Every structure is written in C-alpha cells, then in structure tokens.
Protein backbone atom coordinates (compact mmCIF):
# COMPACT_ATOMS: atom_id res chain seq x y z
CA PRO A 1 17.46 -62.27 67.80
CA LYS A 2 18.90 -62.65 71.13
CA ILE A 3 19.63 -59.74 74.14
CA LYS A 4 23.18 -59.78 74.51
CA ASP A 5 23.36 -57.52 77.47
CA MET A 6 20.19 -57.43 79.48
CA ASP A 7 21.27 -54.75 82.01
CA THR A 8 21.91 -52.55 78.81
CA TYR A 9 18.53 -53.46 77.17
CA ILE A 10 16.83 -52.58 80.43
CA THR A 11 18.90 -49.06 80.91
CA LYS A 12 18.10 -48.28 77.46
CA TRP A 13 14.07 -49.58 77.50
CA TRP A 14 13.52 -47.10 80.73
CA LYS A 15 15.40 -44.17 79.15
CA TRP A 16 13.19 -44.57 75.66
CA TRP A 17 9.79 -45.08 77.83
CA LYS A 18 10.65 -41.95 79.93
CA GLY A 19 11.62 -40.03 77.13
CA ILE A 20 8.30 -40.74 75.42
CA ASN A 21 6.32 -40.10 78.43
CA PRO A 22 4.46 -36.61 79.35
CA VAL A 23 6.60 -34.05 80.82
CA TRP A 24 3.72 -33.91 83.54
CA CYS A 25 4.24 -37.39 84.37
CA LYS A 26 8.21 -37.12 85.07
CA GLN A 27 9.07 -35.94 88.66
CA SER A 28 11.46 -33.20 89.06
CA GLY A 29 15.10 -34.76 90.02
CA SER A 30 14.22 -38.46 90.14
CA GLU A 31 14.26 -40.82 87.52
CA GLN A 32 10.77 -42.22 88.42
CA LEU A 33 7.70 -41.46 86.81
CA THR A 34 4.67 -40.08 88.70
CA MET A 35 1.77 -42.28 88.54
CA GLU A 36 -0.67 -39.56 89.88
CA GLY A 37 -1.91 -36.53 88.32
CA SER A 38 -3.38 -35.71 85.03
CA GLY A 39 -2.59 -34.17 81.71
CA ASP A 40 -2.31 -34.62 78.10
CA TRP A 41 -1.26 -37.71 76.94
CA ASP A 42 -0.65 -36.79 73.17
CA THR A 43 3.14 -37.43 73.28
CA LEU A 44 2.02 -41.23 73.44
CA HIS A 45 0.02 -41.01 70.35
CA ILE A 46 3.08 -42.26 68.27
CA THR A 47 2.37 -43.33 64.49
CA GLY A 48 4.32 -45.20 62.29
CA ALA A 49 6.99 -47.67 62.70
CA ASN A 50 7.68 -46.67 66.28
CA SER A 51 3.83 -46.73 67.06
CA THR A 52 2.78 -47.26 70.55
CA LEU A 53 2.68 -50.85 69.84
CA SER A 54 6.43 -50.86 69.79
CA VAL A 55 5.92 -50.57 73.62
CA LEU A 56 3.97 -53.74 74.05
CA VAL A 57 6.42 -55.54 71.53
CA SER A 58 9.45 -54.52 73.23
CA LEU A 59 7.87 -55.37 76.54
CA TRP A 60 7.08 -58.93 75.12
CA PHE A 61 10.67 -59.33 73.75
CA TRP A 62 12.30 -58.31 77.22
CA ARG A 63 9.97 -61.17 79.11
CA GLU A 64 10.76 -63.60 76.63
CA HIS A 65 14.62 -63.36 77.36
CA ILE A 66 14.22 -63.49 81.15
CA SER A 67 13.44 -66.33 83.58
CA ASN A 68 10.87 -66.40 86.12
CA THR A 69 13.49 -66.41 88.98
CA SER A 70 15.60 -63.55 87.11
CA PRO A 71 16.67 -60.47 89.14
CA THR A 72 15.43 -58.56 86.29
CA LEU A 73 11.83 -59.73 86.12
CA GLN A 74 11.04 -56.97 89.07
CA SER A 75 11.99 -54.34 86.58
CA TRP A 76 9.96 -55.80 83.99
CA ASN A 77 6.94 -55.77 86.24
CA GLU A 78 7.55 -52.06 87.02
CA ALA A 79 7.25 -51.53 83.57
CA VAL A 80 4.10 -53.40 82.93
CA LYS A 81 2.63 -51.70 85.90
CA ASP A 82 3.74 -48.46 84.64
CA ILE A 83 2.48 -48.76 81.07
CA ASN A 84 -1.07 -49.98 82.75
CA TRP A 85 -1.45 -46.69 84.51
C-alpha cells in the first residue's frame, strides 16, 4: 500500500513509538525521548501481532516511500538512531 499523507504517517509513527517507550525515556515537558539513563525496558517487550518486529517493519515501510532527497529523510534517520539506542 501507498502512504497517502507522509506527514500524518510520521506524526502517528512518532506518537506510537513514544507511547511504547518506557516512562523514564520521556523528558518532562518535551516531545523528545532521552538517550541517556537506564531503567526497565519491559514496555518494549511486545508479543503478538504488534510485536517489536512492527517497529522495524514500520521503519522499512516508511523508508520505502521516501527518496534520498526527501525532507522527511531526516525524521526517518532520527527514528533509526532512536531505536538503535
């Protein structure tokens, strides 16, 4: 399937990704996730149809729909960096 509205897809992806991250990764009053500290990662241990594999598949799907010169490539790179942390 084709992504009809890339901006909406990106906004929803980040909301979903932030929602499944541990509370300690979320900075108070900020939209950004923190890449420091430590804590329990159990919230990312998702099984079933919406498993953590969904994170990788959704990133692959996103990347397949943007060009190397797309302004949304930066957001995709940030997402990849974040899931690698």
